[in-house]
N, C-alpha and C. Protein backbone atom coordinates (compact mmCIF):
# COMPACT_ATOMS: atom_id res chain seq x y z
N MET A 1 17.47 140.68 82.00
CA MET A 1 17.21 141.09 83.37
C MET A 1 15.87 140.53 83.84
N GLU A 2 14.86 140.61 83.00
CA GLU A 2 13.54 140.12 83.35
C GLU A 2 13.57 138.63 83.69
N ILE A 3 14.23 137.84 82.86
CA ILE A 3 14.28 136.39 83.09
C ILE A 3 15.05 136.10 84.37
N ALA A 4 16.11 136.84 84.64
CA ALA A 4 16.87 136.63 85.87
C ALA A 4 16.00 136.89 87.10
N LEU A 5 15.17 137.94 87.04
CA LEU A 5 14.27 138.22 88.16
C LEU A 5 13.23 137.12 88.30
N LEU A 6 12.65 136.70 87.19
CA LEU A 6 11.66 135.63 87.23
C LEU A 6 12.29 134.33 87.74
N PHE A 7 13.54 134.10 87.38
CA PHE A 7 14.25 132.91 87.85
C PHE A 7 14.38 132.94 89.37
N ASP A 8 14.62 134.12 89.92
CA ASP A 8 14.71 134.24 91.39
C ASP A 8 13.39 133.83 92.05
N PHE A 9 12.28 134.17 91.43
CA PHE A 9 10.97 133.86 92.00
C PHE A 9 10.53 132.43 91.73
N TYR A 10 10.76 131.94 90.52
CA TYR A 10 10.16 130.68 90.10
C TYR A 10 11.17 129.59 89.73
N GLY A 11 12.44 129.85 89.89
CA GLY A 11 13.47 128.90 89.47
C GLY A 11 13.32 127.51 90.05
N ASP A 12 12.84 127.43 91.29
CA ASP A 12 12.69 126.12 91.92
C ASP A 12 11.61 125.27 91.27
N MET A 13 10.78 125.87 90.44
CA MET A 13 9.71 125.13 89.77
C MET A 13 10.17 124.54 88.44
N LEU A 14 11.37 124.88 88.02
CA LEU A 14 11.92 124.31 86.79
C LEU A 14 12.56 122.95 87.09
N THR A 15 12.81 122.18 86.03
CA THR A 15 13.54 120.92 86.22
C THR A 15 14.98 121.25 86.60
N ASP A 16 15.67 120.28 87.15
CA ASP A 16 17.08 120.50 87.53
C ASP A 16 17.91 120.93 86.32
N LYS A 17 17.70 120.28 85.19
CA LYS A 17 18.46 120.58 83.98
C LYS A 17 18.17 122.01 83.50
N GLN A 18 16.89 122.39 83.48
CA GLN A 18 16.53 123.74 83.07
C GLN A 18 17.13 124.77 84.02
N ARG A 19 17.03 124.49 85.31
CA ARG A 19 17.57 125.40 86.31
C ARG A 19 19.08 125.58 86.11
N ASP A 20 19.77 124.48 85.85
CA ASP A 20 21.22 124.56 85.65
C ASP A 20 21.59 125.41 84.44
N VAL A 21 20.93 125.17 83.29
CA VAL A 21 21.31 125.91 82.09
C VAL A 21 20.91 127.39 82.19
N VAL A 22 19.76 127.68 82.78
CA VAL A 22 19.35 129.07 82.95
C VAL A 22 20.31 129.79 83.89
N GLU A 23 20.68 129.13 84.95
CA GLU A 23 21.65 129.70 85.90
C GLU A 23 22.98 130.01 85.20
N LEU A 24 23.47 129.07 84.43
CA LEU A 24 24.74 129.27 83.72
C LEU A 24 24.63 130.38 82.67
N TYR A 25 23.50 130.43 81.97
CA TYR A 25 23.34 131.40 80.89
C TYR A 25 23.12 132.82 81.42
N TYR A 26 22.18 132.98 82.35
CA TYR A 26 21.82 134.32 82.81
C TYR A 26 22.66 134.82 83.99
N ASN A 27 22.96 133.96 84.92
CA ASN A 27 23.67 134.42 86.11
C ASN A 27 25.19 134.31 85.98
N ASP A 28 25.66 133.26 85.30
CA ASP A 28 27.11 133.09 85.14
C ASP A 28 27.61 133.62 83.80
N ASP A 29 26.68 134.03 82.92
CA ASP A 29 27.00 134.65 81.64
C ASP A 29 27.84 133.76 80.72
N LEU A 30 27.56 132.46 80.73
CA LEU A 30 28.23 131.54 79.82
C LEU A 30 27.51 131.53 78.48
N SER A 31 28.25 131.25 77.43
CA SER A 31 27.65 131.16 76.09
C SER A 31 26.96 129.81 75.94
N LEU A 32 26.13 129.71 74.90
CA LEU A 32 25.46 128.43 74.63
C LEU A 32 26.48 127.32 74.41
N SER A 33 27.55 127.64 73.70
CA SER A 33 28.59 126.64 73.43
C SER A 33 29.29 126.19 74.70
N GLU A 34 29.58 127.13 75.59
CA GLU A 34 30.23 126.78 76.86
C GLU A 34 29.33 125.90 77.71
N ILE A 35 28.06 126.24 77.74
CA ILE A 35 27.11 125.44 78.52
C ILE A 35 26.99 124.04 77.92
N ALA A 36 26.90 123.97 76.59
CA ALA A 36 26.79 122.68 75.91
C ALA A 36 27.98 121.79 76.26
N GLU A 37 29.15 122.37 76.23
CA GLU A 37 30.36 121.61 76.57
C GLU A 37 30.32 121.13 78.02
N ASN A 38 29.94 122.02 78.94
CA ASN A 38 29.88 121.68 80.36
C ASN A 38 28.82 120.62 80.67
N GLU A 39 27.69 120.70 79.97
CA GLU A 39 26.56 119.81 80.26
C GLU A 39 26.57 118.54 79.41
N GLY A 40 27.44 118.50 78.40
CA GLY A 40 27.51 117.32 77.55
C GLY A 40 26.32 117.17 76.62
N ILE A 41 25.76 118.29 76.17
CA ILE A 41 24.66 118.27 75.21
C ILE A 41 24.99 119.23 74.08
N THR A 42 24.15 119.22 73.05
CA THR A 42 24.41 120.09 71.90
C THR A 42 24.05 121.54 72.24
N ARG A 43 24.61 122.43 71.45
CA ARG A 43 24.30 123.85 71.59
C ARG A 43 22.81 124.08 71.38
N GLN A 44 22.24 123.39 70.39
CA GLN A 44 20.81 123.50 70.11
C GLN A 44 19.99 122.98 71.29
N GLY A 45 20.46 121.92 71.92
CA GLY A 45 19.77 121.37 73.09
C GLY A 45 19.76 122.37 74.24
N VAL A 46 20.86 123.08 74.41
CA VAL A 46 20.93 124.13 75.45
C VAL A 46 19.95 125.24 75.12
N ARG A 47 19.97 125.68 73.87
CA ARG A 47 19.07 126.76 73.45
C ARG A 47 17.61 126.37 73.67
N ASP A 48 17.25 125.16 73.26
CA ASP A 48 15.87 124.69 73.43
C ASP A 48 15.49 124.64 74.90
N SER A 49 16.39 124.17 75.73
CA SER A 49 16.12 124.08 77.17
C SER A 49 15.92 125.46 77.78
N ILE A 50 16.74 126.42 77.36
CA ILE A 50 16.61 127.79 77.86
C ILE A 50 15.28 128.40 77.40
N LYS A 51 14.94 128.20 76.13
CA LYS A 51 13.69 128.76 75.60
C LYS A 51 12.47 128.16 76.31
N ARG A 52 12.49 126.84 76.56
CA ARG A 52 11.37 126.22 77.29
C ARG A 52 11.29 126.77 78.71
N ALA A 53 12.44 126.93 79.36
CA ALA A 53 12.47 127.46 80.72
C ALA A 53 11.95 128.90 80.74
N GLU A 54 12.38 129.71 79.78
CA GLU A 54 11.90 131.10 79.70
C GLU A 54 10.38 131.14 79.55
N ALA A 55 9.85 130.28 78.67
CA ALA A 55 8.41 130.24 78.46
C ALA A 55 7.68 129.84 79.75
N GLN A 56 8.23 128.88 80.47
CA GLN A 56 7.62 128.46 81.73
C GLN A 56 7.67 129.57 82.77
N LEU A 57 8.80 130.26 82.85
CA LEU A 57 8.93 131.36 83.82
C LEU A 57 7.93 132.47 83.51
N LEU A 58 7.80 132.82 82.23
CA LEU A 58 6.86 133.86 81.83
C LEU A 58 5.41 133.44 82.09
N GLU A 59 5.11 132.18 81.85
CA GLU A 59 3.76 131.68 82.11
C GLU A 59 3.46 131.70 83.61
N MET A 60 4.42 131.30 84.43
CA MET A 60 4.22 131.34 85.88
C MET A 60 3.98 132.77 86.35
N GLU A 61 4.71 133.71 85.79
CA GLU A 61 4.52 135.11 86.16
C GLU A 61 3.15 135.60 85.72
N ASP A 62 2.71 135.20 84.53
CA ASP A 62 1.37 135.59 84.07
C ASP A 62 0.30 135.07 85.02
N ARG A 63 0.48 133.87 85.52
CA ARG A 63 -0.52 133.26 86.40
C ARG A 63 -0.44 133.78 87.83
N LEU A 64 0.77 133.92 88.35
CA LEU A 64 0.94 134.24 89.77
C LEU A 64 1.24 135.71 90.05
N GLY A 65 1.99 136.34 89.15
CA GLY A 65 2.29 137.77 89.28
C GLY A 65 3.16 138.15 90.46
N LEU A 66 3.99 137.24 90.96
CA LEU A 66 4.82 137.55 92.13
C LEU A 66 5.84 138.65 91.85
N ALA A 67 6.50 138.57 90.71
CA ALA A 67 7.51 139.59 90.37
C ALA A 67 6.85 140.95 90.16
N ARG A 68 5.69 140.96 89.53
CA ARG A 68 4.96 142.20 89.30
C ARG A 68 4.56 142.85 90.63
N ARG A 69 4.06 142.04 91.56
CA ARG A 69 3.70 142.56 92.89
C ARG A 69 4.93 143.04 93.64
N PHE A 70 6.04 142.31 93.50
CA PHE A 70 7.28 142.71 94.15
C PHE A 70 7.74 144.07 93.64
N ARG A 71 7.71 144.27 92.31
CA ARG A 71 8.08 145.56 91.74
C ARG A 71 7.17 146.67 92.25
N GLY A 72 5.88 146.39 92.33
CA GLY A 72 4.92 147.37 92.82
C GLY A 72 5.20 147.75 94.27
N MET A 73 5.54 146.77 95.07
CA MET A 73 5.87 147.07 96.47
C MET A 73 7.14 147.90 96.57
N ARG A 74 8.13 147.57 95.75
CA ARG A 74 9.38 148.35 95.75
C ARG A 74 9.10 149.80 95.34
N GLU A 75 8.29 149.98 94.32
CA GLU A 75 7.95 151.33 93.86
C GLU A 75 7.17 152.07 94.95
N GLY A 76 6.25 151.37 95.62
CA GLY A 76 5.50 151.98 96.70
C GLY A 76 6.39 152.39 97.86
N LEU A 77 7.34 151.54 98.21
CA LEU A 77 8.28 151.89 99.28
C LEU A 77 9.11 153.11 98.90
N GLU A 78 9.51 153.18 97.65
CA GLU A 78 10.30 154.33 97.20
C GLU A 78 9.46 155.61 97.27
N ALA A 79 8.19 155.51 96.91
CA ALA A 79 7.30 156.68 96.98
C ALA A 79 7.09 157.11 98.44
N ILE A 80 6.94 156.14 99.32
CA ILE A 80 6.80 156.44 100.76
C ILE A 80 8.06 157.13 101.27
N ARG A 81 9.19 156.60 100.87
CA ARG A 81 10.48 157.18 101.30
C ARG A 81 10.63 158.62 100.79
N ALA A 82 10.29 158.84 99.53
CA ALA A 82 10.40 160.18 98.96
C ALA A 82 9.45 161.14 99.67
N ALA A 83 8.22 160.69 99.98
CA ALA A 83 7.27 161.55 100.69
C ALA A 83 7.76 161.89 102.09
N ALA A 84 8.33 160.92 102.78
CA ALA A 84 8.86 161.17 104.14
C ALA A 84 10.02 162.16 104.09
N GLU A 85 10.87 162.03 103.09
CA GLU A 85 11.98 162.99 102.96
C GLU A 85 11.45 164.39 102.67
N GLU A 86 10.42 164.48 101.83
CA GLU A 86 9.81 165.76 101.51
C GLU A 86 9.16 166.38 102.75
N ILE A 87 8.46 165.58 103.52
CA ILE A 87 7.84 166.06 104.76
C ILE A 87 8.90 166.59 105.71
N ARG A 88 9.99 165.86 105.82
CA ARG A 88 11.07 166.28 106.70
C ARG A 88 11.66 167.62 106.24
N GLU A 89 11.88 167.77 104.93
CA GLU A 89 12.42 169.02 104.39
C GLU A 89 11.45 170.18 104.60
N LEU A 90 10.16 169.95 104.34
CA LEU A 90 9.17 171.00 104.55
C LEU A 90 9.08 171.38 106.03
N ASN A 91 9.17 170.40 106.88
CA ASN A 91 9.14 170.66 108.32
C ASN A 91 10.33 171.54 108.72
N ASP A 92 11.49 171.23 108.21
CA ASP A 92 12.69 172.02 108.53
C ASP A 92 12.56 173.45 107.99
N ARG A 93 11.96 173.58 106.83
CA ARG A 93 11.86 174.88 106.17
C ARG A 93 10.77 175.78 106.77
N TYR A 94 9.64 175.19 107.18
CA TYR A 94 8.48 176.00 107.56
C TYR A 94 8.03 175.76 109.00
N GLY A 95 8.89 175.91 109.94
CA GLY A 95 8.47 175.79 111.34
C GLY A 95 8.67 174.40 111.87
N TYR A 96 9.81 174.15 112.33
CA TYR A 96 10.24 172.84 112.79
C TYR A 96 9.36 172.29 113.92
N SER A 97 8.96 171.00 113.76
CA SER A 97 8.25 170.26 114.80
C SER A 97 9.04 168.99 115.08
N ARG A 98 9.41 168.79 116.31
CA ARG A 98 10.18 167.60 116.70
C ARG A 98 9.39 166.32 116.41
N GLU A 99 8.08 166.34 116.64
CA GLU A 99 7.25 165.17 116.39
C GLU A 99 7.24 164.79 114.91
N ILE A 100 7.09 165.78 114.05
CA ILE A 100 7.10 165.52 112.60
C ILE A 100 8.47 165.00 112.18
N HIS A 101 9.51 165.59 112.69
CA HIS A 101 10.88 165.16 112.38
C HIS A 101 11.08 163.70 112.80
N ASP A 102 10.69 163.37 114.01
CA ASP A 102 10.88 162.01 114.53
C ASP A 102 10.05 160.99 113.76
N ARG A 103 8.80 161.33 113.47
CA ARG A 103 7.94 160.38 112.77
C ARG A 103 8.36 160.19 111.31
N SER A 104 8.79 161.24 110.66
CA SER A 104 9.28 161.08 109.29
C SER A 104 10.57 160.26 109.29
N GLY A 105 11.39 160.45 110.31
CA GLY A 105 12.60 159.63 110.44
C GLY A 105 12.28 158.16 110.64
N ARG A 106 11.24 157.89 111.42
CA ARG A 106 10.80 156.50 111.64
C ARG A 106 10.29 155.89 110.34
N ILE A 107 9.55 156.65 109.56
CA ILE A 107 9.07 156.16 108.26
C ILE A 107 10.25 155.85 107.35
N LEU A 108 11.24 156.72 107.32
CA LEU A 108 12.44 156.48 106.50
C LEU A 108 13.17 155.23 106.95
N GLU A 109 13.29 155.06 108.24
CA GLU A 109 13.98 153.89 108.80
C GLU A 109 13.24 152.60 108.44
N LEU A 110 11.93 152.60 108.63
CA LEU A 110 11.15 151.41 108.32
C LEU A 110 11.15 151.09 106.83
N SER A 111 11.03 152.10 106.00
CA SER A 111 11.04 151.86 104.55
C SER A 111 12.39 151.32 104.08
N SER A 112 13.46 151.82 104.67
CA SER A 112 14.79 151.31 104.32
C SER A 112 14.95 149.85 104.73
N ARG A 113 14.47 149.53 105.93
CA ARG A 113 14.57 148.15 106.41
C ARG A 113 13.75 147.21 105.52
N LEU A 114 12.53 147.62 105.17
CA LEU A 114 11.69 146.79 104.31
C LEU A 114 12.30 146.61 102.92
N ALA A 115 12.89 147.66 102.39
CA ALA A 115 13.53 147.58 101.08
C ALA A 115 14.72 146.63 101.12
N ALA A 116 15.48 146.64 102.21
CA ALA A 116 16.64 145.76 102.34
C ALA A 116 16.22 144.30 102.47
N GLU A 117 15.08 144.05 103.10
CA GLU A 117 14.60 142.68 103.27
C GLU A 117 14.06 142.11 101.97
N GLY A 118 13.56 143.00 101.09
CA GLY A 118 12.95 142.55 99.83
C GLY A 118 13.99 142.24 98.84
């Protein structure tokens, strides 16, 4: 799962051959033997290419941290969403305010939209 996420962020920085084998292995769930047959290389060649690509993806993440920041933003959005839902519930329970209801609804709407875009 981790490599598939990193591939989404950094896949374009790999060579065409590495991108192809990683795509087939992680996203299409082909075996090393199936990929070797499709690509016309040895099973060991496929494995080596995947391992080099994995190392490059992990190194890019160590340097740039895009996937880590993305996860942090997703977690932050979820926390915002949970807080808005809690505010809405407390508002309903302890003296309803239309303004609080509307603003918490707007926060929920915006957080959902941002989560869908990410």
